[in-house]
Amino acid sequence: MIALTLTIAASVALGAGAHRRWGEHVEALTRRLLDALLYVALPFITFFVLVRASLDAGAGIGIALAYVGFAVVGVLAWLAATRVLQLGPRAAGTVVIAAIMGNTTYLGLPLIAALLGSEALGPAITFDALVTGPMFFVVAFAIAAAITTRDEPLRDRVRVFFTRNPPLLAVVAALVAPDALAPDALVDLAKAGVMALAPVGFFVLGVQLAVETRDGAPRFPPLSAPVTLVLGLRLAVAPLLLLGLSALTVDVPDAYLVQAAMPVGINMLVVAHAYNLDLPLAVSAITWSTTIAIAAGLVAATL
């Protein structure tokens, strides 16, 4: 847990420091990095991790309950963002996506290993693959596409959704491809890439934090009403809903509950960049929620 915290802090600091020294050149670099994540790294990792995965193993009722919970969270986020806060479509869409998309890979898996032990990694990985993956590849991209292309013909909206969503195409390919197309060396490389993406994502976050300040020094973004809304839904309402649904039906693994409470996923930056959503809001939500989750994890690890 400490190593993970230090890695995140170092990556953010490196991004902010690079922006102070090279300014707009680093901003251009981050845009290229996000494009590389979207069109190269994520499709590669997605295909070679999923092509051999037994996605139906250990799923259970808890996965369905998680989808029900996130559906409720998404509706609440949209209603609160548009009717209470009266945000515009792009900002409201950013709130919804941030509320339903958790960091269950880069932070969730190491945190669960530290808090619950390695035996809990099986359910944690299942949740990550069967819930967070589709939330990112399908739901988040569909929401972003629907908001940013709502004045365009349906054919064009569908085209934008698929052309800006290479990871989804990789998922489909992985589900139909034979194992022979995935040599061990590439599968191992893809699994290593999952953790290697975290420093890249938090480097981009550090650059964006520096962009939001006049002198280029990274500071905590203000705790605005939209960010507060995201924090409440992402860190409290989502896990409490899953806990309540579990109490009414069947017990779900503790790892599911921890995963449901993870902060806003760093891949939120990829979606916001691809569809020109409210990037400063996304950066603020990731920063605040990640800080709170890490602090809670460090406290829990010491108990």
C-alpha atoms as a PDB file:
ATOM      1  CA  MET A   1       0.000   0.000   0.000  1.00  0.00           C
ATOM      2  CA  ILE A   2       2.819   2.390   0.846  1.00  0.00           C
ATOM      3  CA  ALA A   3       4.637   1.510  -2.390  1.00  0.00           C
ATOM      4  CA  LEU A   4       1.465   2.166  -4.380  1.00  0.00           C
ATOM      5  CA  THR A   5       0.955   5.517  -2.646  1.00  0.00           C
ATOM      6  CA  LEU A   6       4.534   6.554  -3.362  1.00  0.00           C
ATOM      7  CA  THR A   7       4.219   5.515  -7.018  1.00  0.00           C
ATOM      8  CA  ILE A   8       1.076   7.602  -7.464  1.00  0.00           C
ATOM      9  CA  ALA A   9       2.589  10.614  -5.691  1.00  0.00           C
ATOM     10  CA  ALA A  10       5.800  10.397  -7.706  1.00  0.00           C
ATOM     11  CA  SER A  11       3.927  10.118 -11.018  1.00  0.00           C
ATOM     12  CA  VAL A  12       1.741  13.147 -10.247  1.00  0.00           C
ATOM     13  CA  ALA A  13       4.772  15.171  -9.107  1.00  0.00           C
ATOM     14  CA  LEU A  14       6.721  14.187 -12.235  1.00  0.00           C
ATOM     15  CA  GLY A  15       3.866  15.317 -14.468  1.00  0.00           C
ATOM     16  CA  ALA A  16       3.546  18.643 -12.670  1.00  0.00           C
ATOM     17  CA  GLY A  17       7.308  19.204 -12.726  1.00  0.00           C
ATOM     18  CA  ALA A  18       7.487  18.423 -16.429  1.00  0.00           C
ATOM     19  CA  HIS A  19       4.744  20.970 -17.106  1.00  0.00           C
ATOM     20  CA  ARG A  20       6.565  23.663 -15.132  1.00  0.00           C
ATOM     21  CA  ARG A  21       9.672  23.126 -17.241  1.00  0.00           C
ATOM     22  CA  TRP A  22       8.297  22.436 -20.702  1.00  0.00           C
ATOM     23  CA  GLY A  23       4.762  23.876 -20.552  1.00  0.00           C
ATOM     24  CA  GLU A  24       2.760  23.496 -23.742  1.00  0.00           C
ATOM     25  CA  HIS A  25       5.129  20.847 -25.083  1.00  0.00           C
ATOM     26  CA  VAL A  26       4.167  18.553 -22.196  1.00  0.00           C
ATOM     27  CA  GLU A  27       0.477  19.330 -22.709  1.00  0.00           C
ATOM     28  CA  ALA A  28       0.858  18.191 -26.309  1.00  0.00           C
ATOM     29  CA  LEU A  29       2.676  15.104 -25.061  1.00  0.00           C
ATOM     30  CA  THR A  30      -0.195  14.207 -22.716  1.00  0.00           C
ATOM     31  CA  ARG A  31      -2.659  14.439 -25.584  1.00  0.00           C
ATOM     32  CA  ARG A  32      -0.504  12.019 -27.561  1.00  0.00           C
ATOM     33  CA  LEU A  33      -0.217   9.745 -24.528  1.00  0.00           C
ATOM     34  CA  LEU A  34      -3.999   9.641 -24.122  1.00  0.00           C
ATOM     35  CA  ASP A  35      -4.388   8.838 -27.816  1.00  0.00           C
ATOM     36  CA  ALA A  36      -1.781   6.092 -27.444  1.00  0.00           C
ATOM     37  CA  LEU A  37      -3.673   4.660 -24.465  1.00  0.00           C
ATOM     38  CA  LEU A  38      -6.972   4.735 -26.336  1.00  0.00           C
ATOM     39  CA  TYR A  39      -5.845   3.409 -29.714  1.00  0.00           C
ATOM     40  CA  VAL A  40      -2.837   1.211 -28.877  1.00  0.00           C
ATOM     41  CA  ALA A  41      -2.180   0.260 -25.253  1.00  0.00           C
ATOM     42  CA  LEU A  42      -5.723  -0.387 -24.011  1.00  0.00           C
ATOM     43  CA  PRO A  43      -6.827  -2.452 -27.034  1.00  0.00           C
ATOM     44  CA  PHE A  44      -3.629  -4.530 -26.828  1.00  0.00           C
ATOM     45  CA  ILE A  45      -3.946  -5.146 -23.092  1.00  0.00           C
ATOM     46  CA  THR A  46      -7.681  -5.780 -23.299  1.00  0.00           C
ATOM     47  CA  PHE A  47      -7.382  -8.381 -26.040  1.00  0.00           C
ATOM     48  CA  PHE A  48      -4.516 -10.402 -24.595  1.00  0.00           C
ATOM     49  CA  VAL A  49      -5.818 -10.315 -21.004  1.00  0.00           C
ATOM     50  CA  LEU A  50      -9.370 -11.326 -21.918  1.00  0.00           C
ATOM     51  CA  VAL A  51      -8.672 -13.824 -24.690  1.00  0.00           C
ATOM     52  CA  ARG A  52      -7.701 -16.473 -22.117  1.00  0.00           C
ATOM     53  CA  ALA A  53      -9.815 -15.288 -19.225  1.00  0.00           C
ATOM     54  CA  SER A  54     -12.709 -17.385 -17.923  1.00  0.00           C
ATOM     55  CA  LEU A  55     -15.077 -14.477 -17.630  1.00  0.00           C
ATOM     56  CA  ASP A  56     -17.949 -16.623 -16.407  1.00  0.00           C
ATOM     57  CA  ALA A  57     -16.046 -18.063 -13.441  1.00  0.00           C
ATOM     58  CA  GLY A  58     -17.105 -16.794 -10.056  1.00  0.00           C
ATOM     59  CA  ALA A  59     -19.345 -14.048 -11.376  1.00  0.00           C
ATOM     60  CA  GLY A  60     -22.475 -14.841  -9.398  1.00  0.00           C
ATOM     61  CA  ILE A  61     -25.393 -12.726  -8.366  1.00  0.00           C
ATOM     62  CA  GLY A  62     -23.102 -10.057  -6.950  1.00  0.00           C
ATOM     63  CA  ILE A  63     -22.154  -8.941 -10.457  1.00  0.00           C
ATOM     64  CA  ALA A  64     -25.816  -8.411 -11.362  1.00  0.00           C
ATOM     65  CA  LEU A  65     -26.364  -6.531  -8.104  1.00  0.00           C
ATOM     66  CA  ALA A  66     -23.400  -4.296  -8.906  1.00  0.00           C
ATOM     67  CA  TYR A  67     -24.949  -3.373 -12.249  1.00  0.00           C
ATOM     68  CA  VAL A  68     -28.257  -2.561 -10.572  1.00  0.00           C
ATOM     69  CA  GLY A  69     -26.453  -0.377  -8.043  1.00  0.00           C
ATOM     70  CA  PHE A  70     -24.463   1.505 -10.679  1.00  0.00           C
ATOM     71  CA  ALA A  71     -27.591   2.031 -12.763  1.00  0.00           C
ATOM     72  CA  VAL A  72     -29.215   3.715  -9.762  1.00  0.00           C
ATOM     73  CA  VAL A  73     -26.062   5.773  -9.137  1.00  0.00           C
ATOM     74  CA  GLY A  74     -25.972   6.886 -12.772  1.00  0.00           C
ATOM     75  CA  VAL A  75     -29.594   8.026 -12.729  1.00  0.00           C
ATOM     76  CA  LEU A  76     -29.096   9.877  -9.444  1.00  0.00           C
ATOM     77  CA  ALA A  77     -25.967  11.544 -10.832  1.00  0.00           C
ATOM     78  CA  TRP A  78     -27.764  12.741 -13.960  1.00  0.00           C
ATOM     79  CA  LEU A  79     -30.792  14.057 -12.071  1.00  0.00           C
ATOM     80  CA  ALA A  80     -28.691  15.854  -9.469  1.00  0.00           C
ATOM     81  CA  ALA A  81     -26.288  17.284 -12.071  1.00  0.00           C
ATOM     82  CA  THR A  82     -28.957  18.572 -14.450  1.00  0.00           C
ATOM     83  CA  ARG A  83     -31.862  19.494 -12.166  1.00  0.00           C
ATOM     84  CA  VAL A  84     -30.183  20.465  -8.909  1.00  0.00           C
ATOM     85  CA  LEU A  85     -26.799  21.806 -10.060  1.00  0.00           C
ATOM     86  CA  GLN A  86     -28.127  22.724 -13.527  1.00  0.00           C
ATOM     87  CA  LEU A  87     -24.927  21.715 -15.276  1.00  0.00           C
ATOM     88  CA  GLY A  88     -24.571  21.673 -19.034  1.00  0.00           C
ATOM     89  CA  PRO A  89     -24.589  18.361 -20.947  1.00  0.00           C
ATOM     90  CA  ARG A  90     -20.801  17.884 -21.065  1.00  0.00           C
ATOM     91  CA  ALA A  91     -20.308  18.623 -17.370  1.00  0.00           C
ATOM     92  CA  ALA A  92     -23.335  16.518 -16.404  1.00  0.00           C
ATOM     93  CA  GLY A  93     -22.047  13.645 -18.529  1.00  0.00           C
ATOM     94  CA  THR A  94     -18.669  13.915 -16.828  1.00  0.00           C
ATOM     95  CA  VAL A  95     -20.379  13.665 -13.424  1.00  0.00           C
ATOM     96  CA  VAL A  96     -22.325  10.568 -14.457  1.00  0.00           C
ATOM     97  CA  ILE A  97     -19.315   8.767 -15.915  1.00  0.00           C
ATOM     98  CA  ALA A  98     -17.141   9.651 -12.910  1.00  0.00           C
ATOM     99  CA  ALA A  99     -19.824   8.361 -10.542  1.00  0.00           C
ATOM    100  CA  ILE A 100     -20.073   4.935 -12.181  1.00  0.00           C
ATOM    101  CA  MET A 101     -16.450   4.282 -13.204  1.00  0.00           C
ATOM    102  CA  GLY A 102     -14.120   3.191 -10.402  1.00  0.00           C
ATOM    103  CA  ASN A 103     -10.377   2.616 -10.251  1.00  0.00           C
ATOM    104  CA  THR A 104     -10.699  -1.108  -9.588  1.00  0.00           C
ATOM    105  CA  THR A 105      -7.474  -2.110 -11.378  1.00  0.00           C
ATOM    106  CA  TYR A 106      -4.641   0.279 -10.536  1.00  0.00           C
ATOM    107  CA  LEU A 107      -5.811   0.973  -6.976  1.00  0.00           C
ATOM    108  CA  GLY A 108      -8.463  -1.639  -6.247  1.00  0.00           C
ATOM    109  CA  LEU A 109      -6.404  -4.782  -6.764  1.00  0.00           C
ATOM    110  CA  PRO A 110      -3.345  -3.705  -4.709  1.00  0.00           C
ATOM    111  CA  LEU A 111      -5.581  -2.269  -1.982  1.00  0.00           C
ATOM    112  CA  ILE A 112      -7.615  -5.456  -1.671  1.00  0.00           C
ATOM    113  CA  ALA A 113      -4.463  -7.562  -1.550  1.00  0.00           C
ATOM    114  CA  ALA A 114      -3.185  -5.377   1.296  1.00  0.00           C
ATOM    115  CA  LEU A 115      -6.434  -5.249   3.259  1.00  0.00           C
ATOM    116  CA  LEU A 116      -8.108  -8.605   2.583  1.00  0.00           C
ATOM    117  CA  GLY A 117      -5.220 -10.832   1.552  1.00  0.00           C
ATOM    118  CA  SER A 118      -4.251 -12.486  -1.709  1.00  0.00           C
ATOM    119  CA  GLU A 119      -7.149 -14.946  -1.478  1.00  0.00           C
ATOM    120  CA  ALA A 120      -9.531 -12.047  -2.151  1.00  0.00           C
ATOM    121  CA  LEU A 121      -7.882 -11.205  -5.485  1.00  0.00           C
ATOM    122  CA  GLY A 122     -10.006 -13.751  -7.376  1.00  0.00           C
ATOM    123  CA  PRO A 123     -13.319 -11.987  -6.675  1.00  0.00           C
ATOM    124  CA  ALA A 124     -11.607  -8.602  -7.068  1.00  0.00           C
ATOM    125  CA  ILE A 125     -10.366  -9.466 -10.562  1.00  0.00           C
ATOM    126  CA  THR A 126     -13.775 -10.886 -11.490  1.00  0.00           C
ATOM    127  CA  PHE A 127     -15.430  -7.611 -10.480  1.00  0.00           C
ATOM    128  CA  ASP A 128     -12.843  -5.637 -12.402  1.00  0.00           C
ATOM    129  CA  ALA A 129     -13.299  -7.710 -15.569  1.00  0.00           C
ATOM    130  CA  LEU A 130     -17.078  -8.132 -15.538  1.00  0.00           C
ATOM    131  CA  VAL A 131     -18.231  -4.812 -14.060  1.00  0.00           C
ATOM    132  CA  THR A 132     -15.627  -2.074 -14.416  1.00  0.00           C
ATOM    133  CA  GLY A 133     -14.483  -3.208 -17.864  1.00  0.00           C
ATOM    134  CA  PRO A 134     -17.934  -2.963 -19.493  1.00  0.00           C
ATOM    135  CA  MET A 135     -18.639   0.243 -17.537  1.00  0.00           C
ATOM    136  CA  PHE A 136     -15.620   1.762 -19.250  1.00  0.00           C
ATOM    137  CA  PHE A 137     -15.704   0.135 -22.709  1.00  0.00           C
ATOM    138  CA  VAL A 138     -19.470   0.322 -23.228  1.00  0.00           C
ATOM    139  CA  VAL A 139     -21.369   2.516 -20.779  1.00  0.00           C
ATOM    140  CA  ALA A 140     -18.925   5.420 -20.349  1.00  0.00           C
ATOM    141  CA  PHE A 141     -18.215   5.690 -24.077  1.00  0.00           C
ATOM    142  CA  ALA A 142     -21.926   5.372 -24.925  1.00  0.00           C
ATOM    143  CA  ILE A 143     -22.852   8.185 -22.511  1.00  0.00           C
ATOM    144  CA  ALA A 144     -20.102  10.420 -23.869  1.00  0.00           C
ATOM    145  CA  ALA A 145     -21.052   9.698 -27.473  1.00  0.00           C
ATOM    146  CA  ALA A 146     -24.758  10.285 -26.810  1.00  0.00           C
ATOM    147  CA  ILE A 147     -24.080  13.662 -25.198  1.00  0.00           C
ATOM    148  CA  THR A 148     -21.523  15.014 -27.651  1.00  0.00           C
ATOM    149  CA  THR A 149     -23.258  13.824 -30.839  1.00  0.00           C
ATOM    150  CA  ARG A 150     -26.911  14.188 -29.861  1.00  0.00           C
ATOM    151  CA  ASP A 151     -27.605  16.697 -32.679  1.00  0.00           C
ATOM    152  CA  GLU A 152     -26.149  14.396 -35.333  1.00  0.00           C
ATOM    153  CA  PRO A 153     -27.933  11.625 -37.283  1.00  0.00           C
ATOM    154  CA  LEU A 154     -28.130   8.237 -35.579  1.00  0.00           C
ATOM    155  CA  ARG A 155     -25.795   6.654 -38.143  1.00  0.00           C
ATOM    156  CA  ASP A 156     -23.099   9.223 -37.387  1.00  0.00           C
ATOM    157  CA  ARG A 157     -23.566   8.786 -33.627  1.00  0.00           C
ATOM    158  CA  VAL A 158     -23.092   5.028 -33.910  1.00  0.00           C
ATOM    159  CA  ARG A 159     -20.017   5.540 -36.097  1.00  0.00           C
ATOM    160  CA  VAL A 160     -18.461   7.928 -33.566  1.00  0.00           C
ATOM    161  CA  PHE A 161     -19.139   5.499 -30.711  1.00  0.00           C
ATOM    162  CA  PHE A 162     -17.244   2.664 -32.404  1.00  0.00           C
ATOM    163  CA  THR A 163     -14.435   4.663 -34.023  1.00  0.00           C
ATOM    164  CA  ARG A 164     -13.579   6.316 -30.700  1.00  0.00           C
ATOM    165  CA  ASN A 165     -13.866   3.091 -28.727  1.00  0.00           C
ATOM    166  CA  PRO A 166     -11.089   0.702 -29.834  1.00  0.00           C
ATOM    167  CA  PRO A 167     -11.068  -1.144 -26.459  1.00  0.00           C
ATOM    168  CA  LEU A 168     -14.629  -2.345 -27.089  1.00  0.00           C
ATOM    169  CA  LEU A 169     -13.576  -3.793 -30.438  1.00  0.00           C
ATOM    170  CA  ALA A 170     -10.721  -5.542 -28.613  1.00  0.00           C
ATOM    171  CA  VAL A 171     -13.222  -7.052 -26.147  1.00  0.00           C
ATOM    172  CA  VAL A 172     -15.350  -8.427 -28.989  1.00  0.00           C
ATOM    173  CA  ALA A 173     -12.285  -9.826 -30.717  1.00  0.00           C
ATOM    174  CA  ALA A 174     -11.062 -11.450 -27.510  1.00  0.00           C
ATOM    175  CA  LEU A 175     -14.389 -13.189 -26.941  1.00  0.00           C
ATOM    176  CA  VAL A 176     -14.330 -14.880 -30.358  1.00  0.00           C
ATOM    177  CA  ALA A 177     -10.598 -15.405 -30.903  1.00  0.00           C
ATOM    178  CA  PRO A 178      -9.003 -18.817 -30.223  1.00  0.00           C
ATOM    179  CA  ASP A 179      -6.321 -19.122 -27.574  1.00  0.00           C
ATOM    180  CA  ALA A 180      -3.790 -19.913 -30.292  1.00  0.00           C
ATOM    181  CA  LEU A 181      -3.774 -16.243 -31.256  1.00  0.00           C
ATOM    182  CA  ALA A 182      -2.473 -15.293 -27.797  1.00  0.00           C
ATOM    183  CA  PRO A 183       1.085 -16.586 -27.220  1.00  0.00           C
ATOM    184  CA  ASP A 184       2.263 -16.691 -23.631  1.00  0.00           C
ATOM    185  CA  ALA A 185       4.800 -13.908 -24.135  1.00  0.00           C
ATOM    186  CA  LEU A 186       2.140 -11.428 -25.309  1.00  0.00           C
ATOM    187  CA  VAL A 187      -0.293 -12.437 -22.572  1.00  0.00           C
ATOM    188  CA  ASP A 188       2.394 -11.894 -19.936  1.00  0.00           C
ATOM    189  CA  LEU A 189       3.286  -8.549 -21.500  1.00  0.00           C
ATOM    190  CA  ALA A 190      -0.352  -7.445 -21.448  1.00  0.00           C
ATOM    191  CA  LYS A 191      -0.763  -8.391 -17.771  1.00  0.00           C
ATOM    192  CA  ALA A 192       2.361  -6.447 -16.873  1.00  0.00           C
ATOM    193  CA  GLY A 193       0.995  -3.535 -18.869  1.00  0.00           C
ATOM    194  CA  VAL A 194      -2.075  -3.295 -16.636  1.00  0.00           C
ATOM    195  CA  MET A 195       0.030  -2.069 -13.715  1.00  0.00           C
ATOM    196  CA  ALA A 196       2.425  -0.146 -15.954  1.00  0.00           C
ATOM    197  CA  LEU A 197      -0.439   2.068 -17.141  1.00  0.00           C
ATOM    198  CA  ALA A 198      -0.976   3.516 -13.660  1.00  0.00           C
ATOM    199  CA  PRO A 199       2.141   5.746 -13.624  1.00  0.00           C
ATOM    200  CA  VAL A 200       1.275   6.993 -17.114  1.00  0.00           C
ATOM    201  CA  GLY A 201      -2.260   7.892 -16.079  1.00  0.00           C
ATOM    202  CA  PHE A 202      -1.182   9.684 -12.915  1.00  0.00           C
ATOM    203  CA  PHE A 203       1.583  11.499 -14.849  1.00  0.00           C
ATOM    204  CA  VAL A 204      -1.147  12.901 -17.112  1.00  0.00           C
ATOM    205  CA  LEU A 205      -3.141  13.801 -14.005  1.00  0.00           C
ATOM    206  CA  GLY A 206      -0.149  15.725 -12.628  1.00  0.00           C
ATOM    207  CA  VAL A 207       0.167  17.665 -15.883  1.00  0.00           C
ATOM    208  CA  GLN A 208      -3.530  18.518 -15.852  1.00  0.00           C
ATOM    209  CA  LEU A 209      -3.336  19.679 -12.232  1.00  0.00           C
ATOM    210  CA  ALA A 210      -0.488  21.999 -13.184  1.00  0.00           C
ATOM    211  CA  VAL A 211      -2.457  23.281 -16.195  1.00  0.00           C
ATOM    212  CA  GLU A 212      -5.275  24.363 -13.892  1.00  0.00           C
ATOM    213  CA  THR A 213      -2.984  26.698 -11.898  1.00  0.00           C
ATOM    214  CA  ARG A 214      -1.488  29.955 -13.133  1.00  0.00           C
ATOM    215  CA  ASP A 215       2.077  29.286 -12.003  1.00  0.00           C
ATOM    216  CA  GLY A 216       2.137  25.640 -13.038  1.00  0.00           C
ATOM    217  CA  ALA A 217       2.468  24.355  -9.475  1.00  0.00           C
ATOM    218  CA  PRO A 218       0.106  21.456  -8.718  1.00  0.00           C
ATOM    219  CA  ARG A 219      -2.497  22.306  -6.122  1.00  0.00           C
ATOM    220  CA  PHE A 220      -5.595  20.608  -4.945  1.00  0.00           C
ATOM    221  CA  PRO A 221      -8.492  21.712  -7.133  1.00  0.00           C
ATOM    222  CA  PRO A 222     -11.373  23.409  -5.328  1.00  0.00           C
ATOM    223  CA  LEU A 223     -14.020  21.170  -3.816  1.00  0.00           C
ATOM    224  CA  SER A 224     -16.837  22.308  -6.072  1.00  0.00           C
ATOM    225  CA  ALA A 225     -20.444  21.181  -5.899  1.00  0.00           C
ATOM    226  CA  PRO A 226     -20.103  18.793  -8.889  1.00  0.00           C
ATOM    227  CA  VAL A 227     -16.991  17.208  -7.354  1.00  0.00           C
ATOM    228  CA  THR A 228     -18.751  16.845  -3.998  1.00  0.00           C
ATOM    229  CA  LEU A 229     -21.643  15.146  -5.782  1.00  0.00           C
ATOM    230  CA  VAL A 230     -19.261  12.698  -7.449  1.00  0.00           C
ATOM    231  CA  LEU A 231     -17.508  11.946  -4.141  1.00  0.00           C
ATOM    232  CA  GLY A 232     -20.766  11.169  -2.384  1.00  0.00           C
ATOM    233  CA  LEU A 233     -22.049   8.907  -5.127  1.00  0.00           C
ATOM    234  CA  ARG A 234     -18.736   7.187  -5.948  1.00  0.00           C
ATOM    235  CA  LEU A 235     -17.346   6.602  -2.459  1.00  0.00           C
ATOM    236  CA  ALA A 236     -20.510   6.249  -0.369  1.00  0.00           C
ATOM    237  CA  VAL A 237     -23.724   5.643  -2.289  1.00  0.00           C
ATOM    238  CA  ALA A 238     -22.330   3.005  -4.690  1.00  0.00           C
ATOM    239  CA  PRO A 239     -20.928   0.646  -2.012  1.00  0.00           C
ATOM    240  CA  LEU A 240     -23.895   1.234   0.318  1.00  0.00           C
ATOM    241  CA  LEU A 241     -26.302   0.314  -2.458  1.00  0.00           C
ATOM    242  CA  LEU A 242     -24.412  -2.905  -3.152  1.00  0.00           C
ATOM    243  CA  LEU A 243     -24.340  -3.656   0.565  1.00  0.00           C
ATOM    244  CA  GLY A 244     -28.087  -3.062   0.858  1.00  0.00           C
ATOM    245  CA  LEU A 245     -28.903  -5.154  -2.197  1.00  0.00           C
ATOM    246  CA  SER A 246     -26.693  -7.901  -0.821  1.00  0.00           C
ATOM    247  CA  ALA A 247     -28.549  -7.811   2.496  1.00  0.00           C
ATOM    248  CA  LEU A 248     -31.826  -8.273   0.637  1.00  0.00           C
ATOM    249  CA  THR A 249     -30.607 -11.154  -1.537  1.00  0.00           C
ATOM    250  CA  VAL A 250     -27.313 -12.982  -0.997  1.00  0.00           C
ATOM    251  CA  ASP A 251     -23.982 -12.142   0.601  1.00  0.00           C
ATOM    252  CA  VAL A 252     -21.433 -10.841  -1.888  1.00  0.00           C
ATOM    253  CA  PRO A 253     -17.655 -11.155  -1.430  1.00  0.00           C
ATOM    254  CA  ASP A 254     -16.065  -8.405   0.648  1.00  0.00           C
ATOM    255  CA  ALA A 255     -13.848  -7.665  -2.345  1.00  0.00           C
ATOM    256  CA  TYR A 256     -16.938  -6.618  -4.319  1.00  0.00           C
ATOM    257  CA  LEU A 257     -17.828  -4.044  -1.673  1.00  0.00           C
ATOM    258  CA  VAL A 258     -14.304  -2.636  -1.639  1.00  0.00           C
ATOM    259  CA  GLN A 259     -14.224  -2.469  -5.434  1.00  0.00           C
ATOM    260  CA  ALA A 260     -17.580  -0.682  -5.480  1.00  0.00           C
ATOM    261  CA  ALA A 261     -16.074   2.017  -3.238  1.00  0.00           C
ATOM    262  CA  MET A 262     -12.980   2.687  -5.346  1.00  0.00           C
ATOM    263  CA  PRO A 263     -12.267   6.291  -6.439  1.00  0.00           C
ATOM    264  CA  VAL A 264     -12.928   7.657  -9.905  1.00  0.00           C
ATOM    265  CA  GLY A 265     -11.039   5.614 -12.489  1.00  0.00           C
ATOM    266  CA  ILE A 266      -7.971   7.144 -14.094  1.00  0.00           C
ATOM    267  CA  ASN A 267      -9.384   5.993 -17.459  1.00  0.00           C
ATOM    268  CA  MET A 268     -11.897   8.813 -17.004  1.00  0.00           C
ATOM    269  CA  LEU A 269      -9.181  10.993 -18.560  1.00  0.00           C
ATOM    270  CA  VAL A 270      -9.245   8.850 -21.714  1.00  0.00           C
ATOM    271  CA  VAL A 271     -13.008   9.256 -22.139  1.00  0.00           C
ATOM    272  CA  ALA A 272     -12.949  12.984 -21.355  1.00  0.00           C
ATOM    273  CA  HIS A 273     -10.146  13.527 -23.854  1.00  0.00           C
ATOM    274  CA  ALA A 274     -11.732  11.431 -26.613  1.00  0.00           C
ATOM    275  CA  TYR A 275     -15.104  13.209 -26.411  1.00  0.00           C
ATOM    276  CA  ASN A 276     -14.059  16.686 -25.231  1.00  0.00           C
ATOM    277  CA  LEU A 277     -15.946  16.434 -21.946  1.00  0.00           C
ATOM    278  CA  ASP A 278     -15.254  18.611 -18.887  1.00  0.00           C
ATOM    279  CA  LEU A 279     -11.606  17.647 -18.349  1.00  0.00           C
ATOM    280  CA  PRO A 280     -10.963  19.970 -15.348  1.00  0.00           C
ATOM    281  CA  LEU A 281     -13.972  18.455 -13.576  1.00  0.00           C
ATOM    282  CA  ALA A 282     -12.691  14.953 -14.338  1.00  0.00           C
ATOM    283  CA  VAL A 283      -9.238  15.856 -12.995  1.00  0.00           C
ATOM    284  CA  SER A 284     -10.750  17.286  -9.800  1.00  0.00           C
ATOM    285  CA  ALA A 285     -12.937  14.239  -9.225  1.00  0.00           C
ATOM    286  CA  ILE A 286     -10.024  11.834  -9.739  1.00  0.00           C
ATOM    287  CA  THR A 287      -7.728  13.857  -7.481  1.00  0.00           C
ATOM    288  CA  TRP A 288     -10.124  14.235  -4.561  1.00  0.00           C
ATOM    289  CA  SER A 289     -11.547  10.715  -4.673  1.00  0.00           C
ATOM    290  CA  THR A 290      -8.126   9.060  -5.053  1.00  0.00           C
ATOM    291  CA  THR A 291      -6.691  11.053  -2.140  1.00  0.00           C
ATOM    292  CA  ILE A 292      -9.603  10.120   0.118  1.00  0.00           C
ATOM    293  CA  ALA A 293      -9.437   6.447  -0.881  1.00  0.00           C
ATOM    294  CA  ILE A 294      -5.672   6.209  -0.326  1.00  0.00           C
ATOM    295  CA  ALA A 295      -5.941   7.915   3.057  1.00  0.00           C
ATOM    296  CA  ALA A 296      -8.712   5.506   4.069  1.00  0.00           C
ATOM    297  CA  GLY A 297      -6.671   2.557   2.811  1.00  0.00           C
ATOM    298  CA  LEU A 298      -3.589   3.599   4.778  1.00  0.00           C
ATOM    299  CA  VAL A 299      -5.676   3.943   7.940  1.00  0.00           C
ATOM    300  CA  ALA A 300      -7.367   0.568   7.369  1.00  0.00           C
ATOM    301  CA  ALA A 301      -4.024  -1.115   6.692  1.00  0.00           C
ATOM    302  CA  THR A 302      -2.709   0.001  10.084  1.00  0.00           C
ATOM    303  CA  LEU A 303      -5.711  -1.307  12.046  1.00  0.00           C
END
